[in-house]
Amino acid sequence: MERRIGELTVRIDRLLCVGFADCVDEAPEAFALDEEGLAAFRSATEATPEERLLRACEACPVDALTVLDAQGRQIVPAP
């Protein structure tokens, strides 16, 4: 699952996600747990400030969220 948000590309690896919901705690307007208890994008994701979005992705304890910059370089988790 992938979404372009401003200059960033955010990916959710649902095979890695175990539903801790740390991303939801940090940015509930961007992420939610779906009916399977896994991270999913919400429709308001684009309205999330970049710093909150990055903090939410960095909060994932299993690195199920990946963020790429405009040049396609991985910035979360830190390479």
PDB file of N, CA and C in Angstrom:
ATOM      1  N   MET A   1       0.852  -1.152   0.000  1.00  0.00           N
ATOM      2  CA  MET A   1       0.000   0.000   0.000  1.00  0.00           C
ATOM      3  C   MET A   1       0.911   1.231   0.000  1.00  0.00           C
ATOM      4  N   GLU A   2       0.641   2.172  -0.898  1.00  0.00           N
ATOM      5  CA  GLU A   2       1.521   3.326  -1.063  1.00  0.00           C
ATOM      6  C   GLU A   2       0.701   4.566  -1.367  1.00  0.00           C
ATOM      7  N   ARG A   3       1.172   5.695  -0.846  1.00  0.00           N
ATOM      8  CA  ARG A   3       0.495   6.958  -1.118  1.00  0.00           C
ATOM      9  C   ARG A   3       1.520   8.078  -1.225  1.00  0.00           C
ATOM     10  N   ARG A   4       1.323   8.937  -2.225  1.00  0.00           N
ATOM     11  CA  ARG A   4       2.159  10.128  -2.405  1.00  0.00           C
ATOM     12  C   ARG A   4       1.520  11.242  -1.580  1.00  0.00           C
ATOM     13  N   ILE A   5       2.308  11.848  -0.692  1.00  0.00           N
ATOM     14  CA  ILE A   5       1.809  12.910   0.173  1.00  0.00           C
ATOM     15  C   ILE A   5       2.775  14.079   0.050  1.00  0.00           C
ATOM     16  N   GLY A   6       2.382  15.080  -0.688  1.00  0.00           N
ATOM     17  CA  GLY A   6       3.276  16.198  -0.953  1.00  0.00           C
ATOM     18  C   GLY A   6       4.498  15.708  -1.702  1.00  0.00           C
ATOM     19  N   GLU A   7       5.682  15.973  -1.151  1.00  0.00           N
ATOM     20  CA  GLU A   7       6.948  15.546  -1.756  1.00  0.00           C
ATOM     21  C   GLU A   7       7.347  14.132  -1.333  1.00  0.00           C
ATOM     22  N   LEU A   8       6.591  13.538  -0.422  1.00  0.00           N
ATOM     23  CA  LEU A   8       6.964  12.244   0.151  1.00  0.00           C
ATOM     24  C   LEU A   8       6.125  11.107  -0.411  1.00  0.00           C
ATOM     25  N   THR A   9       6.723   9.929  -0.437  1.00  0.00           N
ATOM     26  CA  THR A   9       5.991   8.706  -0.743  1.00  0.00           C
ATOM     27  C   THR A   9       6.012   7.855   0.519  1.00  0.00           C
ATOM     28  N   VAL A  10       4.842   7.459   0.987  1.00  0.00           N
ATOM     29  CA  VAL A  10       4.726   6.656   2.202  1.00  0.00           C
ATOM     30  C   VAL A  10       4.208   5.280   1.810  1.00  0.00           C
ATOM     31  N   ARG A  11       4.876   4.271   2.320  1.00  0.00           N
ATOM     32  CA  ARG A  11       4.477   2.880   2.055  1.00  0.00           C
ATOM     33  C   ARG A  11       4.144   2.186   3.367  1.00  0.00           C
ATOM     34  N   ILE A  12       3.080   1.405   3.332  1.00  0.00           N
ATOM     35  CA  ILE A  12       2.716   0.554   4.468  1.00  0.00           C
ATOM     36  C   ILE A  12       2.927  -0.883   4.031  1.00  0.00           C
ATOM     37  N   ASP A  13       3.795  -1.588   4.737  1.00  0.00           N
ATOM     38  CA  ASP A  13       4.016  -3.010   4.472  1.00  0.00           C
ATOM     39  C   ASP A  13       3.112  -3.793   5.419  1.00  0.00           C
ATOM     40  N   ARG A  14       1.997  -4.247   4.894  1.00  0.00           N
ATOM     41  CA  ARG A  14       1.004  -4.926   5.724  1.00  0.00           C
ATOM     42  C   ARG A  14       1.453  -6.321   6.153  1.00  0.00           C
ATOM     43  N   LEU A  15       2.503  -6.834   5.545  1.00  0.00           N
ATOM     44  CA  LEU A  15       3.050  -8.111   6.010  1.00  0.00           C
ATOM     45  C   LEU A  15       3.884  -7.923   7.273  1.00  0.00           C
ATOM     46  N   LEU A  16       4.457  -6.737   7.436  1.00  0.00           N
ATOM     47  CA  LEU A  16       5.241  -6.433   8.636  1.00  0.00           C
ATOM     48  C   LEU A  16       4.384  -5.864   9.762  1.00  0.00           C
ATOM     49  N   CYS A  17       3.327  -5.156   9.425  1.00  0.00           N
ATOM     50  CA  CYS A  17       2.498  -4.495  10.425  1.00  0.00           C
ATOM     51  C   CYS A  17       1.856  -5.528  11.357  1.00  0.00           C
ATOM     52  N   VAL A  18       1.930  -5.238  12.656  1.00  0.00           N
ATOM     53  CA  VAL A  18       1.295  -6.106  13.652  1.00  0.00           C
ATOM     54  C   VAL A  18       0.230  -5.362  14.456  1.00  0.00           C
ATOM     55  N   GLY A  19      -0.055  -4.122  14.071  1.00  0.00           N
ATOM     56  CA  GLY A  19      -1.156  -3.389  14.671  1.00  0.00           C
ATOM     57  C   GLY A  19      -0.879  -2.751  16.018  1.00  0.00           C
ATOM     58  N   PHE A  20       0.340  -2.363  16.292  1.00  0.00           N
ATOM     59  CA  PHE A  20       0.634  -1.663  17.550  1.00  0.00           C
ATOM     60  C   PHE A  20      -0.078  -0.310  17.616  1.00  0.00           C
ATOM     61  N   ALA A  21      -0.346   0.299  16.464  1.00  0.00           N
ATOM     62  CA  ALA A  21      -1.074   1.567  16.332  1.00  0.00           C
ATOM     63  C   ALA A  21      -0.286   2.787  16.795  1.00  0.00           C
ATOM     64  N   ASP A  22       1.025   2.689  16.880  1.00  0.00           N
ATOM     65  CA  ASP A  22       1.825   3.866  17.228  1.00  0.00           C
ATOM     66  C   ASP A  22       1.657   4.958  16.173  1.00  0.00           C
ATOM     67  N   CYS A  23       1.518   4.577  14.912  1.00  0.00           N
ATOM     68  CA  CYS A  23       1.302   5.558  13.844  1.00  0.00           C
ATOM     69  C   CYS A  23      -0.033   6.277  14.042  1.00  0.00           C
ATOM     70  N   VAL A  24      -1.030   5.545  14.475  1.00  0.00           N
ATOM     71  CA  VAL A  24      -2.347   6.127  14.727  1.00  0.00           C
ATOM     72  C   VAL A  24      -2.271   7.109  15.894  1.00  0.00           C
ATOM     73  N   ASP A  25      -1.537   6.743  16.932  1.00  0.00           N
ATOM     74  CA  ASP A  25      -1.379   7.640  18.083  1.00  0.00           C
ATOM     75  C   ASP A  25      -0.718   8.957  17.678  1.00  0.00           C
ATOM     76  N   GLU A  26       0.278   8.894  16.792  1.00  0.00           N
ATOM     77  CA  GLU A  26       1.021  10.084  16.373  1.00  0.00           C
ATOM     78  C   GLU A  26       0.286  10.923  15.331  1.00  0.00           C
ATOM     79  N   ALA A  27      -0.455  10.283  14.445  1.00  0.00           N
ATOM     80  CA  ALA A  27      -1.147  11.018  13.373  1.00  0.00           C
ATOM     81  C   ALA A  27      -2.476  10.331  13.033  1.00  0.00           C
ATOM     82  N   PRO A  28      -3.468  10.472  13.923  1.00  0.00           N
ATOM     83  CA  PRO A  28      -4.753   9.795  13.691  1.00  0.00           C
ATOM     84  C   PRO A  28      -5.498  10.292  12.463  1.00  0.00           C
ATOM     85  N   GLU A  29      -5.153  11.482  11.971  1.00  0.00           N
ATOM     86  CA  GLU A  29      -5.797  11.971  10.751  1.00  0.00           C
ATOM     87  C   GLU A  29      -5.215  11.307   9.507  1.00  0.00           C
ATOM     88  N   ALA A  30      -4.061  10.660   9.649  1.00  0.00           N
ATOM     89  CA  ALA A  30      -3.387  10.035   8.510  1.00  0.00           C
ATOM     90  C   ALA A  30      -3.530   8.518   8.494  1.00  0.00           C
ATOM     91  N   PHE A  31      -3.525   7.908   9.690  1.00  0.00           N
ATOM     92  CA  PHE A  31      -3.528   6.453   9.775  1.00  0.00           C
ATOM     93  C   PHE A  31      -4.646   5.953  10.680  1.00  0.00           C
ATOM     94  N   ALA A  32      -5.108   4.755  10.390  1.00  0.00           N
ATOM     95  CA  ALA A  32      -6.098   4.068  11.211  1.00  0.00           C
ATOM     96  C   ALA A  32      -5.813   2.582  11.116  1.00  0.00           C
ATOM     97  N   LEU A  33      -6.348   1.828  12.051  1.00  0.00           N
ATOM     98  CA  LEU A  33      -6.293   0.378  11.932  1.00  0.00           C
ATOM     99  C   LEU A  33      -7.562  -0.066  11.219  1.00  0.00           C
ATOM    100  N   ASP A  34      -7.410  -0.946  10.243  1.00  0.00           N
ATOM    101  CA  ASP A  34      -8.563  -1.412   9.483  1.00  0.00           C
ATOM    102  C   ASP A  34      -9.223  -2.593  10.182  1.00  0.00           C
ATOM    103  N   GLU A  35     -10.153  -3.238   9.499  1.00  0.00           N
ATOM    104  CA  GLU A  35     -10.904  -4.357  10.083  1.00  0.00           C
ATOM    105  C   GLU A  35     -10.016  -5.558  10.418  1.00  0.00           C
ATOM    106  N   GLU A  36      -8.821  -5.612   9.816  1.00  0.00           N
ATOM    107  CA  GLU A  36      -7.870  -6.682  10.126  1.00  0.00           C
ATOM    108  C   GLU A  36      -6.927  -6.287  11.263  1.00  0.00           C
ATOM    109  N   GLY A  37      -7.064  -5.058  11.755  1.00  0.00           N
ATOM    110  CA  GLY A  37      -6.207  -4.580  12.820  1.00  0.00           C
ATOM    111  C   GLY A  37      -4.835  -4.137  12.340  1.00  0.00           C
ATOM    112  N   LEU A  38      -4.729  -3.804  11.042  1.00  0.00           N
ATOM    113  CA  LEU A  38      -3.463  -3.382  10.447  1.00  0.00           C
ATOM    114  C   LEU A  38      -3.548  -1.925  10.005  1.00  0.00           C
ATOM    115  N   ALA A  39      -2.388  -1.273   9.913  1.00  0.00           N
ATOM    116  CA  ALA A  39      -2.335   0.128   9.514  1.00  0.00           C
ATOM    117  C   ALA A  39      -2.861   0.320   8.102  1.00  0.00           C
ATOM    118  N   ALA A  40      -3.594   1.412   7.943  1.00  0.00           N
ATOM    119  CA  ALA A  40      -4.135   1.794   6.637  1.00  0.00           C
ATOM    120  C   ALA A  40      -4.164   3.316   6.574  1.00  0.00           C
ATOM    121  N   PHE A  41      -4.176   3.853   5.362  1.00  0.00           N
ATOM    122  CA  PHE A  41      -4.272   5.291   5.178  1.00  0.00           C
ATOM    123  C   PHE A  41      -5.702   5.752   5.402  1.00  0.00           C
ATOM    124  N   ARG A  42      -5.841   6.922   5.978  1.00  0.00           N
ATOM    125  CA  ARG A  42      -7.146   7.583   6.073  1.00  0.00           C
ATOM    126  C   ARG A  42      -7.243   8.586   4.933  1.00  0.00           C
ATOM    127  N   SER A  43      -8.417   9.052   4.659  1.00  0.00           N
ATOM    128  CA  SER A  43      -8.600   9.974   3.544  1.00  0.00           C
ATOM    129  C   SER A  43      -7.974  11.338   3.803  1.00  0.00           C
ATOM    130  N   ALA A  44      -7.759  11.724   5.055  1.00  0.00           N
ATOM    131  CA  ALA A  44      -7.197  13.045   5.376  1.00  0.00           C
ATOM    132  C   ALA A  44      -5.673  13.042   5.418  1.00  0.00           C
ATOM    133  N   THR A  45      -5.046  11.992   4.929  1.00  0.00           N
ATOM    134  CA  THR A  45      -3.589  11.874   4.998  1.00  0.00           C
ATOM    135  C   THR A  45      -2.888  13.088   4.414  1.00  0.00           C
ATOM    136  N   GLU A  46      -3.371  13.609   3.304  1.00  0.00           N
ATOM    137  CA  GLU A  46      -2.721  14.731   2.633  1.00  0.00           C
ATOM    138  C   GLU A  46      -2.686  15.986   3.487  1.00  0.00           C
ATOM    139  N   ALA A  47      -3.590  16.109   4.447  1.00  0.00           N
ATOM    140  CA  ALA A  47      -3.651  17.292   5.304  1.00  0.00           C
ATOM    141  C   ALA A  47      -2.698  17.192   6.495  1.00  0.00           C
ATOM    142  N   THR A  48      -2.004  16.086   6.632  1.00  0.00           N
ATOM    143  CA  THR A  48      -1.106  15.893   7.763  1.00  0.00           C
ATOM    144  C   THR A  48       0.193  16.661   7.548  1.00  0.00           C
ATOM    145  N   PRO A  49       0.590  17.497   8.512  1.00  0.00           N
ATOM    146  CA  PRO A  49       1.874  18.187   8.371  1.00  0.00           C
ATOM    147  C   PRO A  49       3.017  17.174   8.237  1.00  0.00           C
ATOM    148  N   GLU A  50       3.999  17.512   7.409  1.00  0.00           N
ATOM    149  CA  GLU A  50       5.095  16.594   7.117  1.00  0.00           C
ATOM    150  C   GLU A  50       5.800  16.103   8.382  1.00  0.00           C
ATOM    151  N   GLU A  51       6.049  16.979   9.339  1.00  0.00           N
ATOM    152  CA  GLU A  51       6.765  16.556  10.548  1.00  0.00           C
ATOM    153  C   GLU A  51       5.966  15.535  11.352  1.00  0.00           C
ATOM    154  N   ARG A  52       4.640  15.691  11.404  1.00  0.00           N
ATOM    155  CA  ARG A  52       3.799  14.705  12.104  1.00  0.00           C
ATOM    156  C   ARG A  52       3.786  13.379  11.365  1.00  0.00           C
ATOM    157  N   LEU A  53       3.722  13.462  10.055  1.00  0.00           N
ATOM    158  CA  LEU A  53       3.726  12.258   9.238  1.00  0.00           C
ATOM    159  C   LEU A  53       5.020  11.478   9.440  1.00  0.00           C
ATOM    160  N   LEU A  54       6.139  12.176   9.406  1.00  0.00           N
ATOM    161  CA  LEU A  54       7.432  11.520   9.623  1.00  0.00           C
ATOM    162  C   LEU A  54       7.522  10.931  11.028  1.00  0.00           C
ATOM    163  N   ARG A  55       7.063  11.673  12.023  1.00  0.00           N
ATOM    164  CA  ARG A  55       7.094  11.178  13.406  1.00  0.00           C
ATOM    165  C   ARG A  55       6.238   9.916  13.550  1.00  0.00           C
ATOM    166  N   ALA A  56       5.082   9.906  12.895  1.00  0.00           N
ATOM    167  CA  ALA A  56       4.201   8.738  12.946  1.00  0.00           C
ATOM    168  C   ALA A  56       4.869   7.518  12.314  1.00  0.00           C
ATOM    169  N   CYS A  57       5.541   7.722  11.192  1.00  0.00           N
ATOM    170  CA  CYS A  57       6.212   6.616  10.507  1.00  0.00           C
ATOM    171  C   CYS A  57       7.423   6.133  11.301  1.00  0.00           C
ATOM    172  N   GLU A  58       8.142   7.061  11.909  1.00  0.00           N
ATOM    173  CA  GLU A  58       9.294   6.682  12.734  1.00  0.00           C
ATOM    174  C   GLU A  58       8.873   5.923  13.990  1.00  0.00           C
ATOM    175  N   ALA A  59       7.648   6.119  14.437  1.00  0.00           N
ATOM    176  CA  ALA A  59       7.166   5.485  15.664  1.00  0.00           C
ATOM    177  C   ALA A  59       6.904   3.989  15.497  1.00  0.00           C
ATOM    178  N   CYS A  60       6.822   3.507  14.275  1.00  0.00           N
ATOM    179  CA  CYS A  60       6.510   2.093  14.056  1.00  0.00           C
ATOM    180  C   CYS A  60       7.637   1.212  14.582  1.00  0.00           C
ATOM    181  N   PRO A  61       7.355   0.354  15.565  1.00  0.00           N
ATOM    182  CA  PRO A  61       8.414  -0.469  16.154  1.00  0.00           C
ATOM    183  C   PRO A  61       8.886  -1.621  15.269  1.00  0.00           C
ATOM    184  N   VAL A  62       8.140  -1.924  14.205  1.00  0.00           N
ATOM    185  CA  VAL A  62       8.530  -3.033  13.325  1.00  0.00           C
ATOM    186  C   VAL A  62       8.908  -2.554  11.923  1.00  0.00           C
ATOM    187  N   ASP A  63       9.055  -1.236  11.758  1.00  0.00           N
ATOM    188  CA  ASP A  63       9.442  -0.634  10.476  1.00  0.00           C
ATOM    189  C   ASP A  63       8.516  -1.021   9.329  1.00  0.00           C
ATOM    190  N   ALA A  64       7.221  -1.076   9.606  1.00  0.00           N
ATOM    191  CA  ALA A  64       6.247  -1.380   8.560  1.00  0.00           C
ATOM    192  C   ALA A  64       5.930  -0.164   7.703  1.00  0.00           C
ATOM    193  N   LEU A  65       6.363   1.016   8.147  1.00  0.00           N
ATOM    194  CA  LEU A  65       6.132   2.255   7.404  1.00  0.00           C
ATOM    195  C   LEU A  65       7.456   2.753   6.854  1.00  0.00           C
ATOM    196  N   THR A  66       7.479   3.013   5.564  1.00  0.00           N
ATOM    197  CA  THR A  66       8.671   3.508   4.892  1.00  0.00           C
ATOM    198  C   THR A  66       8.321   4.832   4.228  1.00  0.00           C
ATOM    199  N   VAL A  67       9.247   5.792   4.310  1.00  0.00           N
ATOM    200  CA  VAL A  67       9.050   7.093   3.676  1.00  0.00           C
ATOM    201  C   VAL A  67      10.218   7.347   2.733  1.00  0.00           C
ATOM    202  N   LEU A  68       9.877   7.748   1.509  1.00  0.00           N
ATOM    203  CA  LEU A  68      10.874   8.123   0.507  1.00  0.00           C
ATOM    204  C   LEU A  68      10.734   9.610   0.222  1.00  0.00           C
ATOM    205  N   ASP A  69      11.867  10.283   0.003  1.00  0.00           N
ATOM    206  CA  ASP A  69      11.817  11.706  -0.338  1.00  0.00           C
ATOM    207  C   ASP A  69      11.510  11.866  -1.829  1.00  0.00           C
ATOM    208  N   ALA A  70      11.508  13.109  -2.297  1.00  0.00           N
ATOM    209  CA  ALA A  70      11.146  13.410  -3.692  1.00  0.00           C
ATOM    210  C   ALA A  70      12.073  12.757  -4.702  1.00  0.00           C
ATOM    211  N   GLN A  71      13.317  12.462  -4.301  1.00  0.00           N
ATOM    212  CA  GLN A  71      14.284  11.813  -5.189  1.00  0.00           C
ATOM    213  C   GLN A  71      14.249  10.290  -5.068  1.00  0.00           C
ATOM    214  N   GLY A  72      13.340   9.761  -4.246  1.00  0.00           N
ATOM    215  CA  GLY A  72      13.220   8.322  -4.088  1.00  0.00           C
ATOM    216  C   GLY A  72      14.159   7.720  -3.065  1.00  0.00           C
ATOM    217  N   ARG A  73      14.816   8.576  -2.272  1.00  0.00           N
ATOM    218  CA  ARG A  73      15.728   8.084  -1.234  1.00  0.00           C
ATOM    219  C   ARG A  73      14.936   7.785   0.033  1.00  0.00           C
ATOM    220  N   GLN A  74      15.223   6.669   0.651  1.00  0.00           N
ATOM    221  CA  GLN A  74      14.563   6.301   1.889  1.00  0.00           C
ATOM    222  C   GLN A  74      15.041   7.191   3.025  1.00  0.00           C
ATOM    223  N   ILE A  75      14.065   7.788   3.738  1.00  0.00           N
ATOM    224  CA  ILE A  75      14.413   8.613   4.892  1.00  0.00           C
ATOM    225  C   ILE A  75      13.855   8.058   6.194  1.00  0.00           C
ATOM    226  N   VAL A  76      12.859   7.186   6.125  1.00  0.00           N
ATOM    227  CA  VAL A  76      12.309   6.480   7.289  1.00  0.00           C
ATOM    228  C   VAL A  76      11.999   5.069   6.841  1.00  0.00           C
ATOM    229  N   PRO A  77      12.437   4.059   7.591  1.00  0.00           N
ATOM    230  CA  PRO A  77      13.394   4.175   8.680  1.00  0.00           C
ATOM    231  C   PRO A  77      14.741   4.639   8.149  1.00  0.00           C
ATOM    232  N   ALA A  78      15.514   5.228   9.035  1.00  0.00           N
ATOM    233  CA  ALA A  78      16.813   5.747   8.626  1.00  0.00           C
ATOM    234  C   ALA A  78      17.650   4.627   8.024  1.00  0.00           C
ATOM    235  N   PRO A  79      18.201   4.888   6.837  1.00  0.00           N
ATOM    236  CA  PRO A  79      19.008   3.843   6.183  1.00  0.00           C
ATOM    237  C   PRO A  79      20.303   3.553   6.924  1.00  0.00           C
TER     238      PRO A  79
END
